[in-house]
Amino acid sequence: MQKMALKVLRARGYSCEVAHNGREAVEMAGRFRPALVLMDLSLPEMNGWEATRALKADPALAAIPVIAITAHAMVGDRETALAAGCSECLTKPYEIVDLVRVVERYVGPAHAQSA
């Protein structure tokens, strides 16, 4: 799913970077200052909830919208993601068109944006 999402977003003109764990996601957000973070909640080392809280605790990164992407469809997971600071939550498997809609809602059409 991630490879397809990257292919579609890049084809639409978005610049995308991939972190392999939560700590790397926080470090990369500090380095790249993206317009949007798509956060898998099941990341190793530091999960997506912890990484989101770390982003929101940093004044330089707190305004970056974070979209939770989760395989968890449990009652309360959406609320937990929103409480951690996520702006929205997509549940896997999601439709690519839904992902594109969410990205465009937060950062607009690609025009040299980063996601």
N, C-alpha and C. Protein backbone atom coordinates (compact mmCIF):
# COMPACT_ATOMS: atom_id res chain seq x y z
N MET A 1 0.82 -1.19 0.00
CA MET A 1 0.00 0.00 0.00
C MET A 1 0.87 1.26 0.00
N GLN A 2 1.96 1.23 0.79
CA GLN A 2 2.84 2.40 0.87
C GLN A 2 3.47 2.70 -0.48
N LYS A 3 3.92 1.67 -1.18
CA LYS A 3 4.56 1.89 -2.49
C LYS A 3 3.58 2.50 -3.48
N MET A 4 2.34 2.02 -3.47
CA MET A 4 1.33 2.57 -4.37
C MET A 4 1.03 4.02 -4.00
N ALA A 5 0.91 4.31 -2.72
CA ALA A 5 0.63 5.68 -2.28
C ALA A 5 1.76 6.61 -2.71
N LEU A 6 3.00 6.18 -2.51
CA LEU A 6 4.15 7.00 -2.93
C LEU A 6 4.13 7.24 -4.43
N LYS A 7 3.86 6.20 -5.20
CA LYS A 7 3.84 6.32 -6.65
C LYS A 7 2.78 7.33 -7.08
N VAL A 8 1.60 7.24 -6.52
CA VAL A 8 0.50 8.14 -6.89
C VAL A 8 0.81 9.57 -6.47
N LEU A 9 1.26 9.76 -5.23
CA LEU A 9 1.55 11.12 -4.75
C LEU A 9 2.68 11.76 -5.55
N ARG A 10 3.73 10.99 -5.82
CA ARG A 10 4.84 11.54 -6.62
C ARG A 10 4.39 11.85 -8.05
N ALA A 11 3.55 11.00 -8.63
CA ALA A 11 3.03 11.25 -9.98
C ALA A 11 2.19 12.52 -10.03
N ARG A 12 1.58 12.88 -8.91
CA ARG A 12 0.78 14.10 -8.83
C ARG A 12 1.64 15.32 -8.51
N GLY A 13 2.96 15.10 -8.35
CA GLY A 13 3.87 16.22 -8.14
C GLY A 13 4.28 16.49 -6.71
N TYR A 14 3.88 15.63 -5.78
CA TYR A 14 4.28 15.82 -4.39
C TYR A 14 5.66 15.23 -4.15
N SER A 15 6.44 15.89 -3.32
CA SER A 15 7.74 15.39 -2.89
C SER A 15 7.50 14.57 -1.62
N CYS A 16 7.96 13.34 -1.61
CA CYS A 16 7.70 12.44 -0.48
C CYS A 16 8.99 11.85 0.05
N GLU A 17 9.09 11.76 1.36
CA GLU A 17 10.19 11.08 2.04
C GLU A 17 9.59 9.99 2.91
N VAL A 18 10.33 8.91 3.14
CA VAL A 18 9.82 7.79 3.92
C VAL A 18 10.70 7.55 5.14
N ALA A 19 10.08 7.49 6.31
CA ALA A 19 10.77 7.11 7.55
C ALA A 19 10.42 5.65 7.84
N HIS A 20 11.36 4.93 8.43
CA HIS A 20 11.15 3.51 8.69
C HIS A 20 10.79 3.21 10.14
N ASN A 21 10.84 4.23 10.98
CA ASN A 21 10.43 4.07 12.37
C ASN A 21 10.03 5.45 12.92
N GLY A 22 9.43 5.46 14.09
CA GLY A 22 8.95 6.71 14.66
C GLY A 22 10.04 7.73 14.96
N ARG A 23 11.15 7.26 15.46
CA ARG A 23 12.25 8.20 15.77
C ARG A 23 12.75 8.88 14.48
N GLU A 24 12.89 8.08 13.45
CA GLU A 24 13.33 8.62 12.16
C GLU A 24 12.29 9.60 11.61
N ALA A 25 11.01 9.32 11.82
CA ALA A 25 9.95 10.23 11.35
C ALA A 25 10.08 11.60 12.01
N VAL A 26 10.34 11.62 13.31
CA VAL A 26 10.49 12.89 14.03
C VAL A 26 11.74 13.63 13.54
N GLU A 27 12.84 12.89 13.39
CA GLU A 27 14.08 13.50 12.92
C GLU A 27 13.92 14.06 11.52
N MET A 28 13.27 13.30 10.64
CA MET A 28 13.10 13.75 9.26
C MET A 28 12.16 14.96 9.18
N ALA A 29 11.15 15.00 10.02
CA ALA A 29 10.25 16.16 10.03
C ALA A 29 11.02 17.41 10.43
N GLY A 30 11.93 17.27 11.38
CA GLY A 30 12.76 18.40 11.78
C GLY A 30 13.69 18.86 10.67
N ARG A 31 14.18 17.92 9.91
CA ARG A 31 15.12 18.24 8.83
C ARG A 31 14.42 18.78 7.58
N PHE A 32 13.32 18.16 7.19
CA PHE A 32 12.66 18.51 5.92
C PHE A 32 11.53 19.52 6.06
N ARG A 33 10.97 19.67 7.26
CA ARG A 33 9.83 20.59 7.48
C ARG A 33 8.72 20.36 6.44
N PRO A 34 8.14 19.17 6.42
CA PRO A 34 7.13 18.87 5.41
C PRO A 34 5.84 19.67 5.63
N ALA A 35 5.05 19.78 4.58
CA ALA A 35 3.76 20.44 4.67
C ALA A 35 2.73 19.53 5.35
N LEU A 36 3.02 18.22 5.39
CA LEU A 36 2.09 17.23 5.92
C LEU A 36 2.88 15.98 6.28
N VAL A 37 2.46 15.28 7.34
CA VAL A 37 3.05 14.00 7.70
C VAL A 37 1.96 12.94 7.64
N LEU A 38 2.23 11.86 6.90
CA LEU A 38 1.36 10.68 6.89
C LEU A 38 2.01 9.70 7.85
N MET A 39 1.37 9.44 8.99
CA MET A 39 1.99 8.70 10.09
C MET A 39 1.34 7.34 10.28
N ASP A 40 2.10 6.29 9.98
CA ASP A 40 1.64 4.94 10.31
C ASP A 40 1.71 4.81 11.83
N LEU A 41 0.64 4.36 12.44
CA LEU A 41 0.63 4.27 13.91
C LEU A 41 1.36 3.04 14.44
N SER A 42 1.67 2.07 13.57
CA SER A 42 2.34 0.85 14.01
C SER A 42 3.82 0.83 13.64
N LEU A 43 4.51 1.93 13.86
CA LEU A 43 5.93 2.00 13.55
C LEU A 43 6.77 1.36 14.66
N PRO A 44 7.93 0.79 14.30
CA PRO A 44 8.83 0.25 15.33
C PRO A 44 9.60 1.37 16.04
N GLU A 45 10.24 1.01 17.12
CA GLU A 45 11.09 1.89 17.96
C GLU A 45 10.28 2.93 18.71
N MET A 46 9.52 3.73 18.01
CA MET A 46 8.63 4.73 18.61
C MET A 46 7.36 4.64 17.76
N ASN A 47 6.22 4.29 18.39
CA ASN A 47 5.02 4.12 17.56
C ASN A 47 4.51 5.47 17.06
N GLY A 48 3.54 5.43 16.17
CA GLY A 48 3.03 6.64 15.55
C GLY A 48 2.40 7.61 16.53
N TRP A 49 1.75 7.10 17.57
CA TRP A 49 1.17 7.99 18.58
C TRP A 49 2.28 8.77 19.30
N GLU A 50 3.33 8.04 19.69
CA GLU A 50 4.46 8.70 20.38
C GLU A 50 5.15 9.69 19.45
N ALA A 51 5.35 9.31 18.20
CA ALA A 51 6.02 10.20 17.25
C ALA A 51 5.17 11.46 17.01
N THR A 52 3.87 11.28 16.92
CA THR A 52 2.98 12.44 16.74
C THR A 52 3.05 13.36 17.94
N ARG A 53 3.02 12.80 19.14
CA ARG A 53 3.13 13.63 20.35
C ARG A 53 4.47 14.38 20.37
N ALA A 54 5.54 13.73 19.92
CA ALA A 54 6.86 14.39 19.87
C ALA A 54 6.84 15.54 18.87
N LEU A 55 6.21 15.34 17.72
CA LEU A 55 6.11 16.42 16.72
C LEU A 55 5.32 17.59 17.29
N LYS A 56 4.21 17.30 17.94
CA LYS A 56 3.33 18.35 18.45
C LYS A 56 3.96 19.07 19.65
N ALA A 57 4.91 18.42 20.33
CA ALA A 57 5.59 19.05 21.47
C ALA A 57 6.69 20.00 21.04
N ASP A 58 7.11 19.92 19.78
CA ASP A 58 8.18 20.78 19.26
C ASP A 58 7.54 22.00 18.61
N PRO A 59 7.75 23.20 19.16
CA PRO A 59 7.11 24.39 18.59
C PRO A 59 7.40 24.60 17.10
N ALA A 60 8.54 24.17 16.63
CA ALA A 60 8.89 24.34 15.22
C ALA A 60 8.13 23.37 14.31
N LEU A 61 7.59 22.30 14.89
CA LEU A 61 6.92 21.27 14.08
C LEU A 61 5.43 21.13 14.40
N ALA A 62 4.99 21.75 15.46
CA ALA A 62 3.64 21.54 15.97
C ALA A 62 2.53 21.87 14.98
N ALA A 63 2.76 22.81 14.08
CA ALA A 63 1.71 23.22 13.13
C ALA A 63 1.58 22.28 11.94
N ILE A 64 2.51 21.34 11.77
CA ILE A 64 2.44 20.41 10.64
C ILE A 64 1.28 19.44 10.87
N PRO A 65 0.33 19.37 9.94
CA PRO A 65 -0.77 18.40 10.09
C PRO A 65 -0.22 16.98 10.01
N VAL A 66 -0.75 16.11 10.86
CA VAL A 66 -0.37 14.70 10.86
C VAL A 66 -1.63 13.88 10.57
N ILE A 67 -1.55 13.05 9.55
CA ILE A 67 -2.64 12.16 9.20
C ILE A 67 -2.26 10.76 9.65
N ALA A 68 -3.03 10.20 10.59
CA ALA A 68 -2.77 8.85 11.08
C ALA A 68 -3.21 7.84 10.02
N ILE A 69 -2.36 6.84 9.82
CA ILE A 69 -2.70 5.72 8.94
C ILE A 69 -2.57 4.47 9.78
N THR A 70 -3.66 3.75 9.93
CA THR A 70 -3.66 2.63 10.85
C THR A 70 -4.38 1.41 10.29
N ALA A 71 -3.92 0.25 10.70
CA ALA A 71 -4.61 -1.00 10.39
C ALA A 71 -5.58 -1.31 11.52
N HIS A 72 -5.51 -0.55 12.60
CA HIS A 72 -6.38 -0.76 13.76
C HIS A 72 -7.74 -0.14 13.50
N ALA A 73 -8.76 -0.97 13.49
CA ALA A 73 -10.12 -0.45 13.30
C ALA A 73 -10.89 -0.58 14.61
N MET A 74 -10.17 -0.59 15.69
CA MET A 74 -10.80 -0.76 17.00
C MET A 74 -11.52 0.52 17.41
N VAL A 75 -12.60 0.33 18.15
CA VAL A 75 -13.33 1.48 18.69
C VAL A 75 -12.37 2.27 19.57
N GLY A 76 -12.32 3.56 19.37
CA GLY A 76 -11.47 4.43 20.17
C GLY A 76 -10.13 4.75 19.55
N ASP A 77 -9.70 3.99 18.52
CA ASP A 77 -8.40 4.27 17.90
C ASP A 77 -8.38 5.63 17.23
N ARG A 78 -9.46 5.99 16.56
CA ARG A 78 -9.53 7.30 15.92
C ARG A 78 -9.42 8.40 16.97
N GLU A 79 -10.14 8.24 18.06
CA GLU A 79 -10.10 9.23 19.14
C GLU A 79 -8.71 9.31 19.76
N THR A 80 -8.05 8.17 19.92
CA THR A 80 -6.69 8.15 20.46
C THR A 80 -5.73 8.89 19.52
N ALA A 81 -5.88 8.65 18.22
CA ALA A 81 -5.02 9.33 17.24
C ALA A 81 -5.26 10.84 17.28
N LEU A 82 -6.51 11.25 17.34
CA LEU A 82 -6.82 12.68 17.38
C LEU A 82 -6.31 13.30 18.68
N ALA A 83 -6.43 12.57 19.79
CA ALA A 83 -5.93 13.08 21.07
C ALA A 83 -4.41 13.23 21.06
N ALA A 84 -3.72 12.38 20.30
CA ALA A 84 -2.26 12.46 20.20
C ALA A 84 -1.82 13.66 19.36
N GLY A 85 -2.76 14.24 18.61
CA GLY A 85 -2.44 15.40 17.78
C GLY A 85 -2.65 15.20 16.30
N CYS A 86 -3.13 14.03 15.90
CA CYS A 86 -3.39 13.80 14.48
C CYS A 86 -4.59 14.63 14.04
N SER A 87 -4.54 15.10 12.82
CA SER A 87 -5.63 15.89 12.26
C SER A 87 -6.76 15.02 11.74
N GLU A 88 -6.39 13.87 11.20
CA GLU A 88 -7.35 12.91 10.66
C GLU A 88 -6.78 11.52 10.77
N CYS A 89 -7.63 10.53 10.48
CA CYS A 89 -7.22 9.13 10.56
C CYS A 89 -7.75 8.37 9.36
N LEU A 90 -6.87 7.67 8.64
CA LEU A 90 -7.26 6.78 7.55
C LEU A 90 -7.01 5.35 8.02
N THR A 91 -7.97 4.47 7.78
CA THR A 91 -7.83 3.07 8.18
C THR A 91 -7.47 2.23 6.96
N LYS A 92 -6.44 1.39 7.12
CA LYS A 92 -6.03 0.47 6.06
C LYS A 92 -7.06 -0.66 5.99
N PRO A 93 -7.36 -1.18 4.84
CA PRO A 93 -6.92 -0.65 3.55
C PRO A 93 -7.79 0.55 3.17
N TYR A 94 -7.14 1.59 2.72
CA TYR A 94 -7.87 2.78 2.29
C TYR A 94 -7.81 2.86 0.77
N GLU A 95 -8.70 3.63 0.22
CA GLU A 95 -8.70 3.86 -1.22
C GLU A 95 -7.70 4.97 -1.52
N ILE A 96 -6.90 4.82 -2.56
CA ILE A 96 -5.90 5.82 -2.92
C ILE A 96 -6.56 7.18 -3.14
N VAL A 97 -7.74 7.19 -3.73
CA VAL A 97 -8.44 8.45 -3.97
C VAL A 97 -8.73 9.16 -2.65
N ASP A 98 -9.00 8.41 -1.58
CA ASP A 98 -9.24 9.02 -0.27
C ASP A 98 -7.96 9.64 0.28
N LEU A 99 -6.84 8.96 0.08
CA LEU A 99 -5.56 9.50 0.52
C LEU A 99 -5.25 10.80 -0.22
N VAL A 100 -5.44 10.80 -1.53
CA VAL A 100 -5.17 12.01 -2.33
C VAL A 100 -6.08 13.15 -1.86
N ARG A 101 -7.34 12.85 -1.61
CA ARG A 101 -8.27 13.87 -1.12
C ARG A 101 -7.80 14.49 0.19
N VAL A 102 -7.34 13.65 1.11
CA VAL A 102 -6.86 14.15 2.41
C VAL A 102 -5.62 15.01 2.21
N VAL A 103 -4.67 14.55 1.41
CA VAL A 103 -3.46 15.32 1.15
C VAL A 103 -3.82 16.67 0.54
N GLU A 104 -4.69 16.67 -0.45
CA GLU A 104 -5.08 17.92 -1.10
C GLU A 104 -5.83 18.84 -0.14
N ARG A 105 -6.60 18.28 0.76
CA ARG A 105 -7.34 19.10 1.73
C ARG A 105 -6.38 19.88 2.63
N TYR A 106 -5.26 19.26 2.99
CA TYR A 106 -4.33 19.91 3.91
C TYR A 106 -3.25 20.75 3.24
N VAL A 107 -2.82 20.34 2.06
CA VAL A 107 -1.72 21.09 1.42
C VAL A 107 -2.05 21.63 0.04
N GLY A 108 -3.24 21.32 -0.46
CA GLY A 108 -3.62 21.79 -1.79
C GLY A 108 -2.99 20.95 -2.88
N PRO A 109 -3.24 21.32 -4.11
CA PRO A 109 -2.62 20.61 -5.23
C PRO A 109 -1.09 20.69 -5.15
N ALA A 110 -0.42 19.77 -5.77
CA ALA A 110 1.02 19.58 -5.61
C ALA A 110 1.88 20.82 -5.72
N HIS A 111 1.80 21.61 -6.74
CA HIS A 111 2.59 22.85 -6.90
C HIS A 111 3.80 22.95 -5.98
N ALA A 112 4.70 21.98 -6.06
CA ALA A 112 5.97 21.98 -5.30
C ALA A 112 5.75 21.84 -3.79
N GLN A 113 4.69 21.17 -3.37
CA GLN A 113 4.46 20.90 -1.94
C GLN A 113 5.21 19.63 -1.55
N SER A 114 5.38 19.43 -0.26
CA SER A 114 5.96 18.20 0.26
C SER A 114 4.93 17.48 1.10
N ALA A 115 4.87 16.17 0.96
CA ALA A 115 3.96 15.37 1.79
C ALA A 115 4.77 14.28 2.46
